[in-house]
Amino acid sequence: MTVTYDLGSPTDLTRVRYHLGDVEITTAIFQDEEISFVLSEESNDVGAAVVSCIKSVMARLNHEPDMQADWLKIDWRRSAENWRALLAEKEQQFGLGARAASGGQHGWRPDMGMREAPSYDD
């Protein structure tokens, strides 16, 4: 397994690492092969790959229990909250995730025999 981060000749793999903040070679969260796999699964869409990697980290954190021993405290929930905030930011940045849509829609139901929008004249 390899880990690379080369800004001299950036690839999609480098871009995914940049958006994840996974840029330290010695402490990398993802191996190059994992990111390449996610990119192929997401049709080489960098934004979708970033979101998928963040969700993967969050899933991994769900399996880690919080613990405390004397002065040492490991709080994975807080880490998960940070990843959740990054997920929301990246979904918005790349135009992915849930979108709220409203306005300009009528409350009529074509399945009830109404073929046109109702007239709201009084």
PDB file of N, CA and C in Angstrom:
ATOM      1  N   MET A   1       0.841  -1.175   0.000  1.00  0.00           N
ATOM      2  CA  MET A   1       0.000   0.000   0.000  1.00  0.00           C
ATOM      3  C   MET A   1       0.889   1.242   0.000  1.00  0.00           C
ATOM      4  N   THR A   2       0.463   2.230  -0.757  1.00  0.00           N
ATOM      5  CA  THR A   2       1.269   3.437  -0.890  1.00  0.00           C
ATOM      6  C   THR A   2       0.465   4.673  -0.521  1.00  0.00           C
ATOM      7  N   VAL A   3       1.195   5.719  -0.180  1.00  0.00           N
ATOM      8  CA  VAL A   3       0.602   7.019   0.113  1.00  0.00           C
ATOM      9  C   VAL A   3       1.449   8.059  -0.597  1.00  0.00           C
ATOM     10  N   THR A   4       0.802   8.855  -1.462  1.00  0.00           N
ATOM     11  CA  THR A   4       1.515   9.926  -2.162  1.00  0.00           C
ATOM     12  C   THR A   4       0.705  11.211  -2.080  1.00  0.00           C
ATOM     13  N   TYR A   5       1.429  12.316  -2.117  1.00  0.00           N
ATOM     14  CA  TYR A   5       0.791  13.639  -2.162  1.00  0.00           C
ATOM     15  C   TYR A   5       1.765  14.558  -2.869  1.00  0.00           C
ATOM     16  N   ASP A   6       1.529  14.774  -4.168  1.00  0.00           N
ATOM     17  CA  ASP A   6       2.449  15.536  -4.999  1.00  0.00           C
ATOM     18  C   ASP A   6       1.706  16.702  -5.646  1.00  0.00           C
ATOM     19  N   LEU A   7       1.978  17.898  -5.150  1.00  0.00           N
ATOM     20  CA  LEU A   7       1.327  19.085  -5.717  1.00  0.00           C
ATOM     21  C   LEU A   7       1.994  19.548  -6.999  1.00  0.00           C
ATOM     22  N   GLY A   8       3.171  19.004  -7.292  1.00  0.00           N
ATOM     23  CA  GLY A   8       3.876  19.372  -8.517  1.00  0.00           C
ATOM     24  C   GLY A   8       3.152  18.920  -9.770  1.00  0.00           C
ATOM     25  N   SER A   9       2.545  17.763  -9.706  1.00  0.00           N
ATOM     26  CA  SER A   9       1.750  17.247 -10.824  1.00  0.00           C
ATOM     27  C   SER A   9       0.476  16.620 -10.246  1.00  0.00           C
ATOM     28  N   PRO A  10      -0.479  17.473  -9.851  1.00  0.00           N
ATOM     29  CA  PRO A  10      -1.669  16.972  -9.153  1.00  0.00           C
ATOM     30  C   PRO A  10      -2.541  16.078 -10.032  1.00  0.00           C
ATOM     31  N   THR A  11      -3.035  15.032  -9.411  1.00  0.00           N
ATOM     32  CA  THR A  11      -3.991  14.122 -10.041  1.00  0.00           C
ATOM     33  C   THR A  11      -5.292  14.203  -9.265  1.00  0.00           C
ATOM     34  N   ASP A  12      -6.297  13.452  -9.704  1.00  0.00           N
ATOM     35  CA  ASP A  12      -7.549  13.416  -8.947  1.00  0.00           C
ATOM     36  C   ASP A  12      -7.310  12.870  -7.544  1.00  0.00           C
ATOM     37  N   LEU A  13      -6.397  11.923  -7.416  1.00  0.00           N
ATOM     38  CA  LEU A  13      -6.050  11.370  -6.116  1.00  0.00           C
ATOM     39  C   LEU A  13      -5.508  12.472  -5.206  1.00  0.00           C
ATOM     40  N   THR A  14      -4.631  13.314  -5.745  1.00  0.00           N
ATOM     41  CA  THR A  14      -4.078  14.433  -4.976  1.00  0.00           C
ATOM     42  C   THR A  14      -5.182  15.399  -4.575  1.00  0.00           C
ATOM     43  N   ARG A  15      -6.113  15.654  -5.479  1.00  0.00           N
ATOM     44  CA  ARG A  15      -7.216  16.575  -5.185  1.00  0.00           C
ATOM     45  C   ARG A  15      -8.102  16.041  -4.056  1.00  0.00           C
ATOM     46  N   VAL A  16      -8.371  14.738  -4.077  1.00  0.00           N
ATOM     47  CA  VAL A  16      -9.171  14.137  -3.010  1.00  0.00           C
ATOM     48  C   VAL A  16      -8.447  14.299  -1.677  1.00  0.00           C
ATOM     49  N   ARG A  17      -7.151  13.981  -1.653  1.00  0.00           N
ATOM     50  CA  ARG A  17      -6.366  14.142  -0.420  1.00  0.00           C
ATOM     51  C   ARG A  17      -6.413  15.588   0.073  1.00  0.00           C
ATOM     52  N   TYR A  18      -6.278  16.534  -0.843  1.00  0.00           N
ATOM     53  CA  TYR A  18      -6.294  17.955  -0.469  1.00  0.00           C
ATOM     54  C   TYR A  18      -7.611  18.309   0.225  1.00  0.00           C
ATOM     55  N   HIS A  19      -8.732  17.912  -0.370  1.00  0.00           N
ATOM     56  CA  HIS A  19     -10.037  18.263   0.197  1.00  0.00           C
ATOM     57  C   HIS A  19     -10.302  17.555   1.525  1.00  0.00           C
ATOM     58  N   LEU A  20      -9.719  16.391   1.708  1.00  0.00           N
ATOM     59  CA  LEU A  20      -9.877  15.666   2.971  1.00  0.00           C
ATOM     60  C   LEU A  20      -8.939  16.187   4.051  1.00  0.00           C
ATOM     61  N   GLY A  21      -7.895  16.902   3.643  1.00  0.00           N
ATOM     62  CA  GLY A  21      -6.866  17.313   4.586  1.00  0.00           C
ATOM     63  C   GLY A  21      -5.942  16.152   4.942  1.00  0.00           C
ATOM     64  N   ASP A  22      -5.969  15.123   4.131  1.00  0.00           N
ATOM     65  CA  ASP A  22      -5.182  13.906   4.352  1.00  0.00           C
ATOM     66  C   ASP A  22      -3.846  14.042   3.623  1.00  0.00           C
ATOM     67  N   VAL A  23      -3.031  15.016   4.051  1.00  0.00           N
ATOM     68  CA  VAL A  23      -1.831  15.376   3.290  1.00  0.00           C
ATOM     69  C   VAL A  23      -0.519  14.979   3.957  1.00  0.00           C
ATOM     70  N   GLU A  24      -0.573  14.475   5.181  1.00  0.00           N
ATOM     71  CA  GLU A  24       0.643  14.022   5.859  1.00  0.00           C
ATOM     72  C   GLU A  24       0.894  12.565   5.498  1.00  0.00           C
ATOM     73  N   ILE A  25       1.990  12.313   4.824  1.00  0.00           N
ATOM     74  CA  ILE A  25       2.284  10.968   4.342  1.00  0.00           C
ATOM     75  C   ILE A  25       2.391   9.957   5.487  1.00  0.00           C
ATOM     76  N   THR A  26       3.029  10.345   6.586  1.00  0.00           N
ATOM     77  CA  THR A  26       3.274   9.397   7.681  1.00  0.00           C
ATOM     78  C   THR A  26       2.024   9.056   8.483  1.00  0.00           C
ATOM     79  N   THR A  27       1.021   9.924   8.463  1.00  0.00           N
ATOM     80  CA  THR A  27      -0.197   9.673   9.244  1.00  0.00           C
ATOM     81  C   THR A  27      -1.450   9.652   8.369  1.00  0.00           C
ATOM     82  N   ALA A  28      -1.290   9.293   7.123  1.00  0.00           N
ATOM     83  CA  ALA A  28      -2.407   9.322   6.177  1.00  0.00           C
ATOM     84  C   ALA A  28      -3.542   8.406   6.623  1.00  0.00           C
ATOM     85  N   ILE A  29      -4.753   8.865   6.413  1.00  0.00           N
ATOM     86  CA  ILE A  29      -5.939   8.083   6.744  1.00  0.00           C
ATOM     87  C   ILE A  29      -6.200   7.047   5.658  1.00  0.00           C
ATOM     88  N   PHE A  30      -6.014   7.457   4.413  1.00  0.00           N
ATOM     89  CA  PHE A  30      -6.306   6.598   3.272  1.00  0.00           C
ATOM     90  C   PHE A  30      -5.039   6.242   2.505  1.00  0.00           C
ATOM     91  N   GLN A  31      -4.983   5.020   2.027  1.00  0.00           N
ATOM     92  CA  GLN A  31      -3.933   4.589   1.110  1.00  0.00           C
ATOM     93  C   GLN A  31      -4.331   5.038  -0.299  1.00  0.00           C
ATOM     94  N   ASP A  32      -3.362   5.188  -1.179  1.00  0.00           N
ATOM     95  CA  ASP A  32      -3.647   5.582  -2.560  1.00  0.00           C
ATOM     96  C   ASP A  32      -4.639   4.626  -3.216  1.00  0.00           C
ATOM     97  N   GLU A  33      -4.485   3.346  -2.931  1.00  0.00           N
ATOM     98  CA  GLU A  33      -5.351   2.343  -3.543  1.00  0.00           C
ATOM     99  C   GLU A  33      -6.807   2.527  -3.118  1.00  0.00           C
ATOM    100  N   GLU A  34      -7.027   2.913  -1.871  1.00  0.00           N
ATOM    101  CA  GLU A  34      -8.395   3.156  -1.399  1.00  0.00           C
ATOM    102  C   GLU A  34      -9.012   4.341  -2.132  1.00  0.00           C
ATOM    103  N   ILE A  35      -8.246   5.417  -2.252  1.00  0.00           N
ATOM    104  CA  ILE A  35      -8.769   6.608  -2.940  1.00  0.00           C
ATOM    105  C   ILE A  35      -9.014   6.305  -4.406  1.00  0.00           C
ATOM    106  N   SER A  36      -8.105   5.559  -5.043  1.00  0.00           N
ATOM    107  CA  SER A  36      -8.298   5.184  -6.449  1.00  0.00           C
ATOM    108  C   SER A  36      -9.558   4.350  -6.617  1.00  0.00           C
ATOM    109  N   PHE A  37      -9.802   3.443  -5.675  1.00  0.00           N
ATOM    110  CA  PHE A  37     -11.013   2.626  -5.710  1.00  0.00           C
ATOM    111  C   PHE A  37     -12.263   3.506  -5.610  1.00  0.00           C
ATOM    112  N   VAL A  38     -12.253   4.435  -4.651  1.00  0.00           N
ATOM    113  CA  VAL A  38     -13.411   5.314  -4.469  1.00  0.00           C
ATOM    114  C   VAL A  38     -13.621   6.176  -5.712  1.00  0.00           C
ATOM    115  N   LEU A  39     -12.541   6.681  -6.285  1.00  0.00           N
ATOM    116  CA  LEU A  39     -12.668   7.467  -7.517  1.00  0.00           C
ATOM    117  C   LEU A  39     -13.312   6.639  -8.626  1.00  0.00           C
ATOM    118  N   SER A  40     -12.894   5.393  -8.767  1.00  0.00           N
ATOM    119  CA  SER A  40     -13.493   4.552  -9.815  1.00  0.00           C
ATOM    120  C   SER A  40     -14.960   4.262  -9.514  1.00  0.00           C
ATOM    121  N   GLU A  41     -15.301   4.062  -8.242  1.00  0.00           N
ATOM    122  CA  GLU A  41     -16.695   3.835  -7.858  1.00  0.00           C
ATOM    123  C   GLU A  41     -17.560   5.060  -8.118  1.00  0.00           C
ATOM    124  N   GLU A  42     -16.964   6.241  -8.014  1.00  0.00           N
ATOM    125  CA  GLU A  42     -17.705   7.498  -8.181  1.00  0.00           C
ATOM    126  C   GLU A  42     -17.495   8.099  -9.573  1.00  0.00           C
ATOM    127  N   SER A  43     -17.140   7.265 -10.540  1.00  0.00           N
ATOM    128  CA  SER A  43     -16.953   7.691 -11.942  1.00  0.00           C
ATOM    129  C   SER A  43     -15.961   8.841 -12.072  1.00  0.00           C
ATOM    130  N   ASN A  44     -14.883   8.788 -11.287  1.00  0.00           N
ATOM    131  CA  ASN A  44     -13.817   9.799 -11.299  1.00  0.00           C
ATOM    132  C   ASN A  44     -14.303  11.203 -10.965  1.00  0.00           C
ATOM    133  N   ASP A  45     -15.391  11.302 -10.219  1.00  0.00           N
ATOM    134  CA  ASP A  45     -15.898  12.590  -9.746  1.00  0.00           C
ATOM    135  C   ASP A  45     -15.216  12.891  -8.405  1.00  0.00           C
ATOM    136  N   VAL A  46     -14.325  13.875  -8.410  1.00  0.00           N
ATOM    137  CA  VAL A  46     -13.546  14.194  -7.217  1.00  0.00           C
ATOM    138  C   VAL A  46     -14.458  14.555  -6.046  1.00  0.00           C
ATOM    139  N   GLY A  47     -15.453  15.394  -6.280  1.00  0.00           N
ATOM    140  CA  GLY A  47     -16.357  15.815  -5.205  1.00  0.00           C
ATOM    141  C   GLY A  47     -17.089  14.642  -4.586  1.00  0.00           C
ATOM    142  N   ALA A  48     -17.615  13.768  -5.426  1.00  0.00           N
ATOM    143  CA  ALA A  48     -18.325  12.590  -4.912  1.00  0.00           C
ATOM    144  C   ALA A  48     -17.372  11.668  -4.166  1.00  0.00           C
ATOM    145  N   ALA A  49     -16.134  11.562  -4.634  1.00  0.00           N
ATOM    146  CA  ALA A  49     -15.136  10.725  -3.951  1.00  0.00           C
ATOM    147  C   ALA A  49     -14.793  11.303  -2.582  1.00  0.00           C
ATOM    148  N   VAL A  50     -14.669  12.620  -2.502  1.00  0.00           N
ATOM    149  CA  VAL A  50     -14.378  13.267  -1.215  1.00  0.00           C
ATOM    150  C   VAL A  50     -15.498  12.973  -0.219  1.00  0.00           C
ATOM    151  N   VAL A  51     -16.732  13.148  -0.656  1.00  0.00           N
ATOM    152  CA  VAL A  51     -17.885  12.896   0.212  1.00  0.00           C
ATOM    153  C   VAL A  51     -17.913  11.426   0.637  1.00  0.00           C
ATOM    154  N   SER A  52     -17.643  10.525  -0.292  1.00  0.00           N
ATOM    155  CA  SER A  52     -17.631   9.100   0.018  1.00  0.00           C
ATOM    156  C   SER A  52     -16.540   8.749   1.032  1.00  0.00           C
ATOM    157  N   CYS A  53     -15.372   9.343   0.889  1.00  0.00           N
ATOM    158  CA  CYS A  53     -14.281   9.094   1.840  1.00  0.00           C
ATOM    159  C   CYS A  53     -14.633   9.612   3.232  1.00  0.00           C
ATOM    160  N   ILE A  54     -15.261  10.776   3.298  1.00  0.00           N
ATOM    161  CA  ILE A  54     -15.663  11.322   4.594  1.00  0.00           C
ATOM    162  C   ILE A  54     -16.672  10.389   5.264  1.00  0.00           C
ATOM    163  N   LYS A  55     -17.625   9.877   4.487  1.00  0.00           N
ATOM    164  CA  LYS A  55     -18.607   8.948   5.039  1.00  0.00           C
ATOM    165  C   LYS A  55     -17.930   7.667   5.509  1.00  0.00           C
ATOM    166  N   SER A  56     -16.897   7.244   4.816  1.00  0.00           N
ATOM    167  CA  SER A  56     -16.149   6.055   5.224  1.00  0.00           C
ATOM    168  C   SER A  56     -15.470   6.267   6.573  1.00  0.00           C
ATOM    169  N   VAL A  57     -14.857   7.437   6.755  1.00  0.00           N
ATOM    170  CA  VAL A  57     -14.210   7.746   8.036  1.00  0.00           C
ATOM    171  C   VAL A  57     -15.254   7.771   9.146  1.00  0.00           C
ATOM    172  N   MET A  58     -16.408   8.378   8.868  1.00  0.00           N
ATOM    173  CA  MET A  58     -17.464   8.447   9.880  1.00  0.00           C
ATOM    174  C   MET A  58     -17.962   7.059  10.255  1.00  0.00           C
ATOM    175  N   ALA A  59     -18.057   6.168   9.276  1.00  0.00           N
ATOM    176  CA  ALA A  59     -18.478   4.796   9.562  1.00  0.00           C
ATOM    177  C   ALA A  59     -17.446   4.092  10.433  1.00  0.00           C
ATOM    178  N   ARG A  60     -16.174   4.336  10.175  1.00  0.00           N
ATOM    179  CA  ARG A  60     -15.115   3.733  10.989  1.00  0.00           C
ATOM    180  C   ARG A  60     -15.181   4.249  12.430  1.00  0.00           C
ATOM    181  N   LEU A  61     -15.463   5.533  12.583  1.00  0.00           N
ATOM    182  CA  LEU A  61     -15.530   6.114  13.930  1.00  0.00           C
ATOM    183  C   LEU A  61     -16.698   5.558  14.738  1.00  0.00           C
ATOM    184  N   ASN A  62     -17.748   5.136  14.049  1.00  0.00           N
ATOM    185  CA  ASN A  62     -18.906   4.567  14.756  1.00  0.00           C
ATOM    186  C   ASN A  62     -18.550   3.295  15.511  1.00  0.00           C
ATOM    187  N   HIS A  63     -17.486   2.636  15.106  1.00  0.00           N
ATOM    188  CA  HIS A  63     -17.088   1.382  15.743  1.00  0.00           C
ATOM    189  C   HIS A  63     -16.117   1.590  16.898  1.00  0.00           C
ATOM    190  N   GLU A  64     -15.696   2.825  17.121  1.00  0.00           N
ATOM    191  CA  GLU A  64     -14.712   3.115  18.167  1.00  0.00           C
ATOM    192  C   GLU A  64     -15.407   3.623  19.429  1.00  0.00           C
ATOM    193  N   PRO A  65     -15.169   2.973  20.559  1.00  0.00           N
ATOM    194  CA  PRO A  65     -15.782   3.439  21.809  1.00  0.00           C
ATOM    195  C   PRO A  65     -14.988   4.599  22.422  1.00  0.00           C
ATOM    196  N   ASP A  66     -15.695   5.505  23.090  1.00  0.00           N
ATOM    197  CA  ASP A  66     -15.023   6.538  23.869  1.00  0.00           C
ATOM    198  C   ASP A  66     -14.387   5.869  25.081  1.00  0.00           C
ATOM    199  N   MET A  67     -13.272   6.410  25.551  1.00  0.00           N
ATOM    200  CA  MET A  67     -12.630   5.823  26.727  1.00  0.00           C
ATOM    201  C   MET A  67     -11.890   6.876  27.529  1.00  0.00           C
ATOM    202  N   GLN A  68     -11.676   6.554  28.788  1.00  0.00           N
ATOM    203  CA  GLN A  68     -10.905   7.426  29.654  1.00  0.00           C
ATOM    204  C   GLN A  68     -10.107   6.556  30.623  1.00  0.00           C
ATOM    205  N   ALA A  69      -8.823   6.869  30.743  1.00  0.00           N
ATOM    206  CA  ALA A  69      -7.945   6.173  31.681  1.00  0.00           C
ATOM    207  C   ALA A  69      -7.079   7.233  32.350  1.00  0.00           C
ATOM    208  N   ASP A  70      -7.313   7.460  33.616  1.00  0.00           N
ATOM    209  CA  ASP A  70      -6.618   8.520  34.352  1.00  0.00           C
ATOM    210  C   ASP A  70      -6.793   9.848  33.644  1.00  0.00           C
ATOM    211  N   TRP A  71      -5.713  10.432  33.196  1.00  0.00           N
ATOM    212  CA  TRP A  71      -5.734  11.747  32.564  1.00  0.00           C
ATOM    213  C   TRP A  71      -6.020  11.672  31.066  1.00  0.00           C
ATOM    214  N   LEU A  72      -5.937  10.476  30.475  1.00  0.00           N
ATOM    215  CA  LEU A  72      -6.124  10.306  29.032  1.00  0.00           C
ATOM    216  C   LEU A  72      -7.594  10.074  28.707  1.00  0.00           C
ATOM    217  N   LYS A  73      -8.127  10.894  27.819  1.00  0.00           N
ATOM    218  CA  LYS A  73      -9.512  10.734  27.390  1.00  0.00           C
ATOM    219  C   LYS A  73      -9.554  10.738  25.869  1.00  0.00           C
ATOM    220  N   ILE A  74     -10.186   9.716  25.296  1.00  0.00           N
ATOM    221  CA  ILE A  74     -10.364   9.632  23.847  1.00  0.00           C
ATOM    222  C   ILE A  74     -11.846   9.728  23.573  1.00  0.00           C
ATOM    223  N   ASP A  75     -12.224  10.799  22.893  1.00  0.00           N
ATOM    224  CA  ASP A  75     -13.624  11.091  22.622  1.00  0.00           C
ATOM    225  C   ASP A  75     -13.855  11.046  21.113  1.00  0.00           C
ATOM    226  N   TRP A  76     -14.249   9.892  20.614  1.00  0.00           N
ATOM    227  CA  TRP A  76     -14.455   9.733  19.176  1.00  0.00           C
ATOM    228  C   TRP A  76     -15.685  10.495  18.700  1.00  0.00           C
ATOM    229  N   ARG A  77     -16.644  10.738  19.590  1.00  0.00           N
ATOM    230  CA  ARG A  77     -17.841  11.492  19.205  1.00  0.00           C
ATOM    231  C   ARG A  77     -17.487  12.888  18.714  1.00  0.00           C
ATOM    232  N   ARG A  78     -16.551  13.505  19.396  1.00  0.00           N
ATOM    233  CA  ARG A  78     -16.144  14.851  18.984  1.00  0.00           C
ATOM    234  C   ARG A  78     -15.486  14.824  17.607  1.00  0.00           C
ATOM    235  N   SER A  79     -14.682  13.819  17.379  1.00  0.00           N
ATOM    236  CA  SER A  79     -14.061  13.661  16.066  1.00  0.00           C
ATOM    237  C   SER A  79     -15.131  13.449  14.993  1.00  0.00           C
ATOM    238  N   ALA A  80     -16.127  12.639  15.313  1.00  0.00           N
ATOM    239  CA  ALA A  80     -17.218  12.389  14.370  1.00  0.00           C
ATOM    240  C   ALA A  80     -17.976  13.674  14.054  1.00  0.00           C
ATOM    241  N   GLU A  81     -18.159  14.529  15.061  1.00  0.00           N
ATOM    242  CA  GLU A  81     -18.842  15.807  14.834  1.00  0.00           C
ATOM    243  C   GLU A  81     -18.042  16.682  13.863  1.00  0.00           C
ATOM    244  N   ASN A  82     -16.725  16.666  14.007  1.00  0.00           N
ATOM    245  CA  ASN A  82     -15.878  17.438  13.094  1.00  0.00           C
ATOM    246  C   ASN A  82     -15.977  16.909  11.674  1.00  0.00           C
ATOM    247  N   TRP A  83     -15.990  15.588  11.534  1.00  0.00           N
ATOM    248  CA  TRP A  83     -16.134  14.998  10.200  1.00  0.00           C
ATOM    249  C   TRP A  83     -17.513  15.302   9.628  1.00  0.00           C
ATOM    250  N   ARG A  84     -18.542  15.301  10.484  1.00  0.00           N
ATOM    251  CA  ARG A  84     -19.898  15.618  10.018  1.00  0.00           C
ATOM    252  C   ARG A  84     -19.963  17.057   9.497  1.00  0.00           C
ATOM    253  N   ALA A  85     -19.288  17.966  10.178  1.00  0.00           N
ATOM    254  CA  ALA A  85     -19.244  19.364   9.724  1.00  0.00           C
ATOM    255  C   ALA A  85     -18.506  19.468   8.385  1.00  0.00           C
ATOM    256  N   LEU A  86     -17.408  18.726   8.246  1.00  0.00           N
ATOM    257  CA  LEU A  86     -16.670  18.730   6.980  1.00  0.00           C
ATOM    258  C   LEU A  86     -17.524  18.142   5.866  1.00  0.00           C
ATOM    259  N   LEU A  87     -18.288  17.096   6.187  1.00  0.00           N
ATOM    260  CA  LEU A  87     -19.172  16.491   5.196  1.00  0.00           C
ATOM    261  C   LEU A  87     -20.188  17.512   4.681  1.00  0.00           C
ATOM    262  N   ALA A  88     -20.813  18.239   5.582  1.00  0.00           N
ATOM    263  CA  ALA A  88     -21.803  19.249   5.177  1.00  0.00           C
ATOM    264  C   ALA A  88     -21.154  20.324   4.314  1.00  0.00           C
ATOM    265  N   GLU A  89     -19.957  20.748   4.704  1.00  0.00           N
ATOM    266  CA  GLU A  89     -19.243  21.772   3.941  1.00  0.00           C
ATOM    267  C   GLU A  89     -18.914  21.287   2.534  1.00  0.00           C
ATOM    268  N   LYS A  90     -18.422  20.065   2.420  1.00  0.00           N
ATOM    269  CA  LYS A  90     -18.018  19.534   1.108  1.00  0.00           C
ATOM    270  C   LYS A  90     -19.229  19.216   0.244  1.00  0.00           C
ATOM    271  N   GLU A  91     -20.320  18.740   0.855  1.00  0.00           N
ATOM    272  CA  GLU A  91     -21.538  18.508   0.067  1.00  0.00           C
ATOM    273  C   GLU A  91     -22.034  19.814  -0.534  1.00  0.00           C
ATOM    274  N   GLN A  92     -21.969  20.874   0.242  1.00  0.00           N
ATOM    275  CA  GLN A  92     -22.390  22.175  -0.268  1.00  0.00           C
ATOM    276  C   GLN A  92     -21.421  22.675  -1.333  1.00  0.00           C
ATOM    277  N   GLN A  93     -20.129  22.539  -1.078  1.00  0.00           N
ATOM    278  CA  GLN A  93     -19.115  23.008  -2.019  1.00  0.00           C
ATOM    279  C   GLN A  93     -19.243  22.318  -3.373  1.00  0.00           C
ATOM    280  N   PHE A  94     -19.505  21.010  -3.352  1.00  0.00           N
ATOM    281  CA  PHE A  94     -19.575  20.246  -4.601  1.00  0.00           C
ATOM    282  C   PHE A  94     -20.998  20.093  -5.125  1.00  0.00           C
ATOM    283  N   GLY A  95     -21.976  20.677  -4.445  1.00  0.00           N
ATOM    284  CA  GLY A  95     -23.360  20.609  -4.911  1.00  0.00           C
ATOM    285  C   GLY A  95     -23.952  19.217  -4.772  1.00  0.00           C
ATOM    286  N   LEU A  96     -23.551  18.502  -3.741  1.00  0.00           N
ATOM    287  CA  LEU A  96     -24.048  17.145  -3.508  1.00  0.00           C
ATOM    288  C   LEU A  96     -24.888  17.119  -2.249  1.00  0.00           C
ATOM    289  N   GLY A  97     -25.539  16.015  -1.991  1.00  0.00           N
ATOM    290  CA  GLY A  97     -26.320  15.879  -0.767  1.00  0.00           C
ATOM    291  C   GLY A  97     -27.745  16.346  -0.955  1.00  0.00           C
ATOM    292  N   ALA A  98     -28.443  16.468   0.148  1.00  0.00           N
ATOM    293  CA  ALA A  98     -29.856  16.849   0.122  1.00  0.00           C
ATOM    294  C   ALA A  98     -29.997  18.306  -0.280  1.00  0.00           C
ATOM    295  N   ARG A  99     -31.010  18.565  -1.068  1.00  0.00           N
ATOM    296  CA  ARG A  99     -31.301  19.934  -1.484  1.00  0.00           C
ATOM    297  C   ARG A  99     -32.765  20.234  -1.204  1.00  0.00           C
ATOM    298  N   ALA A 100     -32.996  21.372  -0.647  1.00  0.00           N
ATOM    299  CA  ALA A 100     -34.370  21.794  -0.394  1.00  0.00           C
ATOM    300  C   ALA A 100     -34.875  22.553  -1.605  1.00  0.00           C
ATOM    301  N   ALA A 101     -36.054  22.195  -2.060  1.00  0.00           N
ATOM    302  CA  ALA A 101     -36.646  22.891  -3.199  1.00  0.00           C
ATOM    303  C   ALA A 101     -38.065  23.278  -2.833  1.00  0.00           C
ATOM    304  N   SER A 102     -38.423  24.504  -3.125  1.00  0.00           N
ATOM    305  CA  SER A 102     -39.785  24.927  -2.865  1.00  0.00           C
ATOM    306  C   SER A 102     -40.115  26.106  -3.756  1.00  0.00           C
ATOM    307  N   GLY A 103     -41.365  26.430  -3.789  1.00  0.00           N
ATOM    308  CA  GLY A 103     -41.825  27.568  -4.581  1.00  0.00           C
ATOM    309  C   GLY A 103     -42.193  27.154  -5.994  1.00  0.00           C
ATOM    310  N   GLY A 104     -43.177  27.802  -6.538  1.00  0.00           N
ATOM    311  CA  GLY A 104     -43.571  27.551  -7.914  1.00  0.00           C
ATOM    312  C   GLY A 104     -44.264  26.220  -8.124  1.00  0.00           C
ATOM    313  N   GLN A 105     -44.645  25.550  -7.071  1.00  0.00           N
ATOM    314  CA  GLN A 105     -45.301  24.264  -7.216  1.00  0.00           C
ATOM    315  C   GLN A 105     -46.735  24.375  -6.706  1.00  0.00           C
ATOM    316  N   HIS A 106     -47.624  23.714  -7.413  1.00  0.00           N
ATOM    317  CA  HIS A 106     -49.029  23.758  -7.038  1.00  0.00           C
ATOM    318  C   HIS A 106     -49.377  22.555  -6.180  1.00  0.00           C
ATOM    319  N   GLY A 107     -50.406  22.736  -5.356  1.00  0.00           N
ATOM    320  CA  GLY A 107     -50.863  21.665  -4.483  1.00  0.00           C
ATOM    321  C   GLY A 107     -51.930  20.803  -5.130  1.00  0.00           C
ATOM    322  N   TRP A 108     -51.919  20.655  -6.434  1.00  0.00           N
ATOM    323  CA  TRP A 108     -52.916  19.819  -7.093  1.00  0.00           C
ATOM    324  C   TRP A 108     -52.320  18.453  -7.378  1.00  0.00           C
ATOM    325  N   ARG A 109     -53.188  17.483  -7.509  1.00  0.00           N
ATOM    326  CA  ARG A 109     -52.719  16.118  -7.692  1.00  0.00           C
ATOM    327  C   ARG A 109     -53.213  15.569  -9.018  1.00  0.00           C
ATOM    328  N   PRO A 110     -52.307  15.395  -9.963  1.00  0.00           N
ATOM    329  CA  PRO A 110     -52.705  14.856 -11.258  1.00  0.00           C
ATOM    330  C   PRO A 110     -53.269  13.440 -11.156  1.00  0.00           C
ATOM    331  N   ASP A 111     -52.884  12.685 -10.124  1.00  0.00           N
ATOM    332  CA  ASP A 111     -53.389  11.324  -9.982  1.00  0.00           C
ATOM    333  C   ASP A 111     -54.852  11.289  -9.550  1.00  0.00           C
ATOM    334  N   MET A 112     -55.419  12.438  -9.209  1.00  0.00           N
ATOM    335  CA  MET A 112     -56.828  12.496  -8.828  1.00  0.00           C
ATOM    336  C   MET A 112     -57.684  13.054  -9.958  1.00  0.00           C
ATOM    337  N   GLY A 113     -57.173  12.998 -11.180  1.00  0.00           N
ATOM    338  CA  GLY A 113     -57.965  13.419 -12.326  1.00  0.00           C
ATOM    339  C   GLY A 113     -57.795  14.883 -12.690  1.00  0.00           C
ATOM    340  N   MET A 114     -57.030  15.648 -11.934  1.00  0.00           N
ATOM    341  CA  MET A 114     -56.812  17.047 -12.268  1.00  0.00           C
ATOM    342  C   MET A 114     -55.714  17.114 -13.332  1.00  0.00           C
ATOM    343  N   ARG A 115     -56.038  17.638 -14.494  1.00  0.00           N
ATOM    344  CA  ARG A 115     -55.086  17.683 -15.577  1.00  0.00           C
ATOM    345  C   ARG A 115     -54.380  19.031 -15.689  1.00  0.00           C
ATOM    346  N   GLU A 116     -54.892  20.028 -15.021  1.00  0.00           N
ATOM    347  CA  GLU A 116     -54.298  21.356 -15.041  1.00  0.00           C
ATOM    348  C   GLU A 116     -54.239  21.900 -13.615  1.00  0.00           C
ATOM    349  N   ALA A 117     -53.346  22.854 -13.430  1.00  0.00           N
ATOM    350  CA  ALA A 117     -53.250  23.506 -12.120  1.00  0.00           C
ATOM    351  C   ALA A 117     -54.561  24.228 -11.839  1.00  0.00           C
ATOM    352  N   PRO A 118     -55.038  24.218 -10.608  1.00  0.00           N
ATOM    353  CA  PRO A 118     -56.292  24.876 -10.269  1.00  0.00           C
ATOM    354  C   PRO A 118     -56.192  26.392 -10.402  1.00  0.00           C
ATOM    355  N   SER A 119     -57.309  27.026 -10.630  1.00  0.00           N
ATOM    356  CA  SER A 119     -57.388  28.467 -10.688  1.00  0.00           C
ATOM    357  C   SER A 119     -57.671  28.971  -9.272  1.00  0.00           C
ATOM    358  N   TYR A 120     -56.909  29.952  -8.853  1.00  0.00           N
ATOM    359  CA  TYR A 120     -57.066  30.465  -7.502  1.00  0.00           C
ATOM    360  C   TYR A 120     -57.819  31.786  -7.472  1.00  0.00           C
ATOM    361  N   ASP A 121     -58.682  31.998  -8.446  1.00  0.00           N
ATOM    362  CA  ASP A 121     -59.492  33.227  -8.496  1.00  0.00           C
ATOM    363  C   ASP A 121     -60.588  33.169  -7.455  1.00  0.00           C
ATOM    364  N   ASP A 122     -60.824  34.267  -6.795  1.00  0.00           N
ATOM    365  CA  ASP A 122     -61.925  34.338  -5.811  1.00  0.00           C
ATOM    366  C   ASP A 122     -63.101  35.055  -6.377  1.00  0.00           C
TER     367      ASP A 122
END
